[in-house]
């Protein structure tokens, strides 16, 4: 395996020549340099721990999925949906480490197992649900109902992003769609173990009850087509869970402290480089994941829990800077900021608290105030991003300019 260095400098991120790196201005009265070694020494271990948490949550989900498939019913359907939410939260808690500016080996890119490609397989959204299973008005659409397509790892991976990024056949949100369906009202009978691969029209009372109350009169006397290919739906959903674990475990191994590729890159890097990489990861997570993507509230649309994605991500920022583990608190970014400039550190903490409180309120906001509240949360996060930059500057860390 080709050994590559950790790409962390502002210069490389901006595609500049190493000779063009801007040196910090000299200052004879500059404060004494702060020892960051305690923080940098534990970055790889924390990354491994967060990825392990995500992997364990995915394994727990898979175990509950097996129980659900054994006896699908409304109670364990609700339980498996809750397990999906927990698993996705754990993944979002680990997402900040994907923004560390790390260069993967060239052969990983060609094999589509580099960090970026794995994330596209794990967390692709928005997705077109009709690409993988039936949706309203199209009862026989998608992978599940395409009897010419084998449901195995090779074919399902080949279908991912086949003609468009929304053609997602893998990842958390493909599983989300399978559990909730297009309208968020999928029923557990969709997963009953039965073979009926041909359309079976029905006009019984059970079918009519699935129609909205306002449409009952129109449904009476008509034929309602029931979902088909239950066993393929079961097989596909279980395969999704298996491949999710496989991709997560691949990333987790790269952070393994003694032999993981990413862990070794950190061990070969200077404290200054790792500190810069840590601030870059936080800046990119806030800028890209929060401000540019997740405030659209489209990431977990089928479960109608996109606001929870924001909560999980802002919690990951807080844990990155202010870990709850006692052994990490005096080896944290916030502790370093406090040592450098208490006022700037307190401004950062206040803006983080304000952003967290605003995002937490989104889930309970009335419809008429939702847009206003969302705009306020965006402004709070922009302030947080500004204070993050100030905190980095207090530690003489140069960050890329924000576009």
Protein backbone atom coordinates (compact mmCIF):
# COMPACT_ATOMS: atom_id res chain seq x y z
CA UNK A 1 0.00 0.00 0.00
CA UNK A 2 1.35 3.38 -0.97
CA UNK A 3 2.13 5.40 2.09
CA UNK A 4 0.68 8.89 1.86
CA UNK A 5 0.88 11.84 4.18
CA UNK A 6 -2.01 13.49 5.95
CA UNK A 7 -3.14 16.45 3.81
CA UNK A 8 -3.92 19.11 6.30
CA UNK A 9 -2.27 22.33 5.26
CA UNK A 10 -4.31 25.29 4.17
CA UNK A 11 -2.12 25.47 1.09
CA UNK A 12 -2.92 21.98 -0.17
CA UNK A 13 -6.60 22.41 0.52
CA UNK A 14 -6.56 25.51 -1.67
CA UNK A 15 -4.55 23.71 -4.39
CA UNK A 16 -1.60 26.03 -3.86
CA UNK A 17 2.06 25.25 -4.05
CA UNK A 18 3.70 24.39 -0.70
CA UNK A 19 6.01 27.36 -1.27
CA UNK A 20 3.00 29.68 -1.22
CA UNK A 21 2.02 28.88 2.35
CA UNK A 22 1.37 32.08 4.25
CA UNK A 23 3.45 32.30 7.37
CA UNK A 24 1.89 33.68 10.52
CA UNK A 25 3.19 37.20 11.20
CA UNK A 26 5.98 37.32 13.69
CA UNK A 27 5.20 38.90 17.01
CA UNK A 28 7.76 39.22 19.74
CA UNK A 29 4.97 39.75 22.25
CA UNK A 30 3.01 36.67 21.14
CA UNK A 31 1.74 34.50 24.02
CA UNK A 32 3.63 31.41 24.97
CA UNK A 33 2.77 28.47 22.74
CA UNK A 34 0.19 26.16 24.26
CA UNK A 35 0.96 22.46 24.56
CA UNK A 36 -1.58 20.62 22.39
CA UNK A 37 -0.06 17.15 22.61
CA UNK A 38 -2.67 15.82 25.05
CA UNK A 39 -5.42 16.67 22.57
CA UNK A 40 -3.67 15.45 19.44
CA UNK A 41 -2.71 12.16 21.08
CA UNK A 42 -6.33 11.15 21.55
CA UNK A 43 -7.87 12.23 18.22
CA UNK A 44 -7.41 8.82 16.60
CA UNK A 45 -8.70 6.98 19.66
CA UNK A 46 -11.83 9.16 19.80
CA UNK A 47 -12.41 8.59 16.07
CA UNK A 48 -12.14 4.84 16.56
CA UNK A 49 -14.52 4.99 19.52
CA UNK A 50 -17.14 6.98 17.60
CA UNK A 51 -16.95 4.64 14.60
CA UNK A 52 -17.19 1.67 16.96
CA UNK A 53 -20.33 3.18 18.48
CA UNK A 54 -21.81 3.57 15.00
CA UNK A 55 -20.90 0.00 14.08
CA UNK A 56 -22.35 -1.41 17.32
CA UNK A 57 -25.59 0.53 16.79
CA UNK A 58 -25.82 -0.89 13.26
CA UNK A 59 -25.29 -4.39 14.66
CA UNK A 60 -28.01 -3.80 17.25
CA UNK A 61 -30.32 -2.62 14.49
CA UNK A 62 -29.56 -5.77 12.49
CA UNK A 63 -30.42 -7.95 15.48
CA UNK A 64 -33.75 -6.17 15.95
CA UNK A 65 -34.38 -6.44 12.21
CA UNK A 66 -34.00 -10.22 12.43
CA UNK A 67 -36.59 -10.28 15.21
CA UNK A 68 -38.92 -8.11 13.16
CA UNK A 69 -38.57 -10.37 10.12
CA UNK A 70 -39.29 -13.42 12.27
CA UNK A 71 -42.67 -12.01 13.29
CA UNK A 72 -43.58 -8.69 11.64
CA UNK A 73 -46.15 -6.80 13.70
CA UNK A 74 -46.91 -3.16 14.54
CA UNK A 75 -45.09 -3.29 17.89
CA UNK A 76 -41.73 -4.53 16.65
CA UNK A 77 -42.15 -2.43 13.51
CA UNK A 78 -42.11 0.64 15.76
CA UNK A 79 -39.13 -0.81 17.64
CA UNK A 80 -37.09 -1.37 14.49
CA UNK A 81 -37.87 2.16 13.31
CA UNK A 82 -36.59 3.52 16.64
CA UNK A 83 -33.47 1.34 16.30
CA UNK A 84 -32.83 2.84 12.86
CA UNK A 85 -33.00 6.33 14.35
CA UNK A 86 -30.49 5.42 17.06
CA UNK A 87 -28.14 3.82 14.51
CA UNK A 88 -28.28 6.86 12.24
CA UNK A 89 -27.65 9.22 15.15
CA UNK A 90 -24.53 7.24 16.07
CA UNK A 91 -23.33 7.49 12.50
CA UNK A 92 -23.90 11.26 12.43
CA UNK A 93 -21.95 11.52 15.69
CA UNK A 94 -18.95 10.05 13.84
CA UNK A 95 -19.32 12.09 10.66
CA UNK A 96 -16.92 14.85 11.73
CA UNK A 97 -13.98 12.47 11.26
CA UNK A 98 -14.81 12.12 7.58
CA UNK A 99 -13.97 15.82 7.23
CA UNK A 100 -10.42 15.44 8.50
CA UNK A 101 -8.34 16.25 5.38
CA UNK A 102 -6.96 12.78 4.85
CA UNK A 103 -5.68 11.44 1.52
CA UNK A 104 -6.60 7.83 0.76
CA UNK A 105 -4.31 5.51 -1.26
CA UNK A 106 -4.90 5.68 -5.04
CA UNK A 107 -6.09 2.08 -5.29
CA UNK A 108 -8.91 2.80 -2.83
CA UNK A 109 -10.30 5.35 -5.27
CA UNK A 110 -10.22 2.90 -8.15
CA UNK A 111 -11.94 0.27 -5.98
CA UNK A 112 -14.50 2.86 -4.78
CA UNK A 113 -13.65 2.20 -1.16
CA UNK A 114 -12.14 5.60 -0.34
CA UNK A 115 -13.76 7.56 2.49
CA UNK A 116 -15.85 9.73 0.16
CA UNK A 117 -17.23 6.80 -1.83
CA UNK A 118 -18.06 4.85 1.33
CA UNK A 119 -19.93 7.84 2.71
CA UNK A 120 -21.90 8.10 -0.53
CA UNK A 121 -22.94 4.50 -0.03
CA UNK A 122 -23.76 4.95 3.64
CA UNK A 123 -25.48 8.32 3.61
CA UNK A 124 -26.81 9.10 0.14
CA UNK A 125 -29.80 11.45 0.13
CA UNK A 126 -32.24 12.59 -1.05
CA UNK A 127 -33.28 9.34 -2.65
CA UNK A 128 -36.05 8.33 -5.03
CA UNK A 129 -38.04 5.72 -3.15
CA UNK A 130 -39.66 4.40 -6.29
CA UNK A 131 -36.23 3.28 -7.45
CA UNK A 132 -36.17 0.57 -4.78
CA UNK A 133 -39.80 -0.31 -3.97
CA UNK A 134 -43.39 0.61 -4.64
CA UNK A 135 -44.73 4.09 -4.09
CA UNK A 136 -48.23 5.49 -4.30
CA UNK A 137 -49.53 5.13 -7.83
CA UNK A 138 -46.71 2.74 -8.84
CA UNK A 139 -47.36 -0.54 -6.97
CA UNK A 140 -44.79 -2.59 -8.91
CA UNK A 141 -41.86 -0.20 -9.19
CA UNK A 142 -38.31 -0.52 -7.95
CA UNK A 143 -35.67 -3.13 -7.25
CA UNK A 144 -37.97 -5.14 -5.01
CA UNK A 145 -40.49 -5.67 -7.80
CA UNK A 146 -38.01 -6.13 -10.66
CA UNK A 147 -37.89 -9.91 -10.88
CA UNK A 148 -35.11 -9.76 -13.48
CA UNK A 149 -32.70 -8.32 -10.90
CA UNK A 150 -30.92 -10.62 -8.46
CA UNK A 151 -30.80 -9.38 -4.90
CA UNK A 152 -27.16 -9.86 -3.94
CA UNK A 153 -24.25 -7.62 -3.01
CA UNK A 154 -22.85 -7.27 -6.50
CA UNK A 155 -26.11 -6.31 -8.18
CA UNK A 156 -27.32 -3.99 -5.42
CA UNK A 157 -23.99 -2.13 -5.28
CA UNK A 158 -24.09 -1.81 -9.08
CA UNK A 159 -27.56 -0.24 -8.86
CA UNK A 160 -26.41 2.49 -6.44
CA UNK A 161 -26.40 5.83 -8.27
CA UNK A 162 -26.97 3.98 -11.55
CA UNK A 163 -28.18 6.98 -13.59
CA UNK A 164 -28.57 9.67 -10.92
CA UNK A 165 -27.47 10.26 -7.31
CA UNK A 166 -31.10 9.88 -6.21
CA UNK A 167 -31.03 6.31 -7.57
CA UNK A 168 -29.76 5.11 -4.20
CA UNK A 169 -29.90 1.39 -3.49
CA UNK A 170 -27.68 1.38 -0.38
CA UNK A 171 -27.31 3.08 2.96
CA UNK A 172 -29.23 4.43 5.90
CA UNK A 173 -31.87 6.19 3.84
CA UNK A 174 -32.60 3.21 1.63
CA UNK A 175 -33.27 1.32 4.87
CA UNK A 176 -35.32 4.27 6.13
CA UNK A 177 -37.51 4.11 3.03
CA UNK A 178 -37.99 0.36 3.42
CA UNK A 179 -39.16 0.81 7.02
CA UNK A 180 -41.38 3.86 6.55
CA UNK A 181 -42.37 3.78 2.89
CA UNK A 182 -43.01 6.71 0.60
CA UNK A 183 -45.63 8.38 2.82
CA UNK A 184 -44.18 7.29 6.16
CA UNK A 185 -47.05 4.83 6.71
CA UNK A 186 -45.68 1.47 5.60
CA UNK A 187 -47.41 -1.39 7.41
CA UNK A 188 -45.77 -4.47 8.92
CA UNK A 189 -47.76 -6.85 6.61
CA UNK A 190 -45.50 -5.64 3.77
CA UNK A 191 -42.86 -7.87 5.35
CA UNK A 192 -44.94 -11.00 5.90
CA UNK A 193 -42.99 -14.05 4.59
CA UNK A 194 -45.13 -14.99 1.62
CA UNK A 195 -44.75 -15.56 -2.09
CA UNK A 196 -47.07 -13.60 -4.35
CA UNK A 197 -45.09 -12.26 -7.24
CA UNK A 198 -48.11 -11.62 -9.44
CA UNK A 199 -50.52 -8.68 -9.01
CA UNK A 200 -53.44 -9.62 -6.77
CA UNK A 201 -56.32 -7.13 -6.98
CA UNK A 202 -58.29 -6.70 -3.80
CA UNK A 203 -61.41 -4.86 -2.79
CA UNK A 204 -61.77 -6.13 0.75
CA UNK A 205 -62.32 -3.95 3.78
CA UNK A 206 -58.71 -4.24 4.97
CA UNK A 207 -57.49 -2.69 1.75
CA UNK A 208 -60.04 0.08 1.96
CA UNK A 209 -58.90 1.00 5.46
CA UNK A 210 -55.46 1.84 4.08
CA UNK A 211 -57.03 4.67 2.05
CA UNK A 212 -57.32 8.12 3.57
CA UNK A 213 -60.70 8.73 5.17
CA UNK A 214 -61.55 11.45 2.66
CA UNK A 215 -61.02 8.95 -0.17
CA UNK A 216 -63.06 6.07 1.24
CA UNK A 217 -66.11 6.87 -0.81
CA UNK A 218 -64.03 6.87 -3.98
CA UNK A 219 -62.39 3.60 -2.99
CA UNK A 220 -65.60 1.70 -2.42
CA UNK A 221 -66.30 -0.66 -5.24
CA UNK A 222 -62.83 -0.25 -6.73
CA UNK A 223 -59.90 -2.61 -6.77
CA UNK A 224 -56.95 -1.73 -4.54
CA UNK A 225 -53.70 -3.39 -5.55
CA UNK A 226 -51.81 -4.84 -2.62
CA UNK A 227 -47.97 -4.79 -2.32
CA UNK A 228 -46.30 -7.85 -3.81
CA UNK A 229 -42.95 -9.65 -3.61
CA UNK A 230 -42.84 -9.78 0.16
CA UNK A 231 -39.92 -12.20 0.31
CA UNK A 232 -37.84 -10.05 -2.03
CA UNK A 233 -38.64 -7.05 0.16
CA UNK A 234 -37.48 -8.97 3.22
CA UNK A 235 -34.35 -10.18 1.46
CA UNK A 236 -33.45 -6.73 0.17
CA UNK A 237 -33.97 -5.01 3.54
CA UNK A 238 -31.81 -7.57 5.31
CA UNK A 239 -29.11 -7.24 2.66
CA UNK A 240 -29.13 -3.45 3.12
CA UNK A 241 -28.44 -3.92 6.81
CA UNK A 242 -25.65 -6.40 6.08
CA UNK A 243 -23.92 -4.08 3.58
CA UNK A 244 -24.31 -1.10 5.91
CA UNK A 245 -22.42 -2.97 8.62
CA UNK A 246 -19.77 -4.04 6.12
CA UNK A 247 -19.08 -0.48 4.98
CA UNK A 248 -19.07 0.89 8.52
CA UNK A 249 -16.70 -1.82 9.68
CA UNK A 250 -14.35 -1.02 6.81
CA UNK A 251 -14.05 2.59 8.02
CA UNK A 252 -13.78 1.52 11.65
CA UNK A 253 -10.80 -0.73 10.89
CA UNK A 254 -8.96 2.20 9.31
CA UNK A 255 -9.13 3.99 12.66
CA UNK A 256 -7.95 0.97 14.67
CA UNK A 257 -5.28 2.48 16.98
CA UNK A 258 -2.51 -0.08 16.45
CA UNK A 259 -2.78 -0.81 12.73
CA UNK A 260 -5.43 1.37 11.08
CA UNK A 261 -4.35 3.41 8.07
CA UNK A 262 -5.89 6.67 9.29
CA UNK A 263 -4.62 6.14 12.84
CA UNK A 264 -1.08 5.63 11.53
CA UNK A 265 -1.26 8.81 9.46
CA UNK A 266 -2.14 10.77 12.58
CA UNK A 267 0.69 9.16 14.51
CA UNK A 268 3.13 10.30 11.81
CA UNK A 269 1.81 13.89 11.81
CA UNK A 270 2.88 16.84 13.94
CA UNK A 271 0.76 18.25 16.75
CA UNK A 272 0.34 21.47 14.78
CA UNK A 273 -0.96 19.62 11.72
CA UNK A 274 -3.41 17.53 13.71
CA UNK A 275 -4.74 20.59 15.54
CA UNK A 276 -5.27 22.36 12.23
CA UNK A 277 -6.98 19.27 10.79
CA UNK A 278 -9.30 19.11 13.80
CA UNK A 279 -10.46 22.70 13.33
CA UNK A 280 -10.81 22.17 9.58
CA UNK A 281 -13.05 19.14 10.21
CA UNK A 282 -15.28 21.17 12.53
CA UNK A 283 -15.46 24.07 10.09
CA UNK A 284 -16.34 21.81 7.16
CA UNK A 285 -18.95 19.86 9.12
CA UNK A 286 -20.71 23.07 10.16
CA UNK A 287 -20.43 24.72 6.76
CA UNK A 288 -21.30 21.75 4.54
CA UNK A 289 -23.41 19.38 6.60
CA UNK A 290 -25.38 21.95 8.60
CA UNK A 291 -25.56 25.18 6.62
CA UNK A 292 -25.41 23.88 3.04
CA UNK A 293 -27.24 20.57 3.37
CA UNK A 294 -29.18 19.62 6.47
CA UNK A 295 -31.16 22.83 6.99
CA UNK A 296 -33.14 21.78 3.93
CA UNK A 297 -34.78 19.23 6.28
CA UNK A 298 -34.75 16.62 3.51
CA UNK A 299 -32.19 14.13 4.79
CA UNK A 300 -34.57 11.86 6.72
CA UNK A 301 -37.78 12.71 4.91
CA UNK A 302 -39.50 9.29 5.06
CA UNK A 303 -39.31 9.09 8.86
CA UNK A 304 -40.01 12.83 9.05
CA UNK A 305 -37.10 13.19 11.47
CA UNK A 306 -34.71 15.46 9.54
CA UNK A 307 -34.65 17.87 12.50
CA UNK A 308 -33.15 15.00 14.53
CA UNK A 309 -30.26 14.90 12.05
CA UNK A 310 -29.48 18.52 12.95
CA UNK A 311 -29.65 17.67 16.65
CA UNK A 312 -27.23 14.76 16.21
CA UNK A 313 -24.76 16.86 14.23
CA UNK A 314 -24.73 19.82 16.60
CA UNK A 315 -24.28 17.33 19.45
CA UNK A 316 -21.27 15.91 17.59
CA UNK A 317 -19.75 19.41 17.43
CA UNK A 318 -20.27 19.84 21.17
CA UNK A 319 -18.73 16.45 21.89
CA UNK A 320 -15.76 17.31 19.65
CA UNK A 321 -15.02 20.49 21.58
CA UNK A 322 -16.43 19.68 25.01
CA UNK A 323 -16.31 15.91 25.57
CA UNK A 324 -18.26 14.54 28.52
CA UNK A 325 -15.62 11.94 29.37
CA UNK A 326 -13.62 13.28 32.35
CA UNK A 327 -10.34 11.95 30.95
CA UNK A 328 -10.84 13.99 27.77
CA UNK A 329 -12.02 17.29 29.21
CA UNK A 330 -8.51 18.61 29.90
CA UNK A 331 -7.37 17.38 26.49
CA UNK A 332 -10.13 19.05 24.51
CA UNK A 333 -10.27 21.81 21.91
CA UNK A 334 -12.35 23.96 24.24
CA UNK A 335 -9.80 23.58 27.03
CA UNK A 336 -7.06 24.71 24.65
CA UNK A 337 -9.17 27.70 23.60
CA UNK A 338 -9.70 28.62 27.25
CA UNK A 339 -5.96 28.54 27.86
CA UNK A 340 -5.36 30.76 24.87
CA UNK A 341 -8.16 33.33 25.19
CA UNK A 342 -10.93 32.90 27.75
CA UNK A 343 -13.18 35.55 26.20
CA UNK A 344 -13.08 33.95 22.74
CA UNK A 345 -13.64 30.51 24.28
CA UNK A 346 -16.70 31.76 26.15
CA UNK A 347 -18.10 33.37 22.99
CA UNK A 348 -17.72 30.05 21.21
CA UNK A 349 -19.40 28.16 24.04
CA UNK A 350 -22.30 30.64 24.14
CA UNK A 351 -22.87 30.42 20.39
CA UNK A 352 -22.74 26.63 20.51
CA UNK A 353 -25.27 26.59 23.34
CA UNK A 354 -27.53 29.02 21.49
CA UNK A 355 -27.34 27.00 18.26
CA UNK A 356 -28.11 23.79 20.12
CA UNK A 357 -31.11 25.31 21.90
CA UNK A 358 -32.50 26.71 18.66
CA UNK A 359 -32.12 23.43 16.78
CA UNK A 360 -33.72 21.50 19.64
CA UNK A 361 -36.75 23.79 19.43
CA UNK A 362 -37.28 23.08 15.73
CA UNK A 363 -39.04 19.77 16.38
CA UNK A 364 -41.68 21.42 18.57
CA UNK A 365 -42.17 24.61 16.55
CA UNK A 366 -45.64 25.32 15.22
CA UNK A 367 -46.02 25.24 11.45
CA UNK A 368 -46.61 28.98 11.22
CA UNK A 369 -43.32 29.77 12.99
CA UNK A 370 -41.20 26.95 11.55
CA UNK A 371 -39.65 29.00 8.72
CA UNK A 372 -38.76 31.88 11.04
CA UNK A 373 -37.24 29.52 13.58
CA UNK A 374 -35.22 27.78 10.88
CA UNK A 375 -33.81 31.11 9.67
CA UNK A 376 -32.88 32.01 13.24
CA UNK A 377 -31.09 28.70 13.70
CA UNK A 378 -29.12 29.30 10.51
CA UNK A 379 -28.02 32.70 11.81
CA UNK A 380 -27.01 31.14 15.12
CA UNK A 381 -24.92 28.53 13.32
CA UNK A 382 -23.29 31.20 11.16
CA UNK A 383 -22.30 32.96 14.39
CA UNK A 384 -20.97 29.65 15.71
CA UNK A 385 -18.87 29.27 12.57
CA UNK A 386 -17.46 32.76 13.04
CA UNK A 387 -16.56 32.06 16.66
CA UNK A 388 -14.98 28.78 15.64
CA UNK A 389 -12.69 30.71 13.30
CA UNK A 390 -11.82 33.13 16.10
CA UNK A 391 -11.05 30.21 18.40
CA UNK A 392 -8.75 28.68 15.82
CA UNK A 393 -7.02 32.02 15.36
CA UNK A 394 -6.44 32.31 19.10
CA UNK A 395 -4.44 29.08 18.83
CA UNK A 396 -2.57 30.37 15.74
CA UNK A 397 -4.37 27.87 13.52
CA UNK A 398 -4.95 29.01 9.93
CA UNK A 399 -8.23 27.84 8.40
CA UNK A 400 -9.30 27.87 4.74
CA UNK A 401 -11.33 30.92 3.74
CA UNK A 402 -15.07 30.37 3.64
CA UNK A 403 -16.63 30.87 0.21
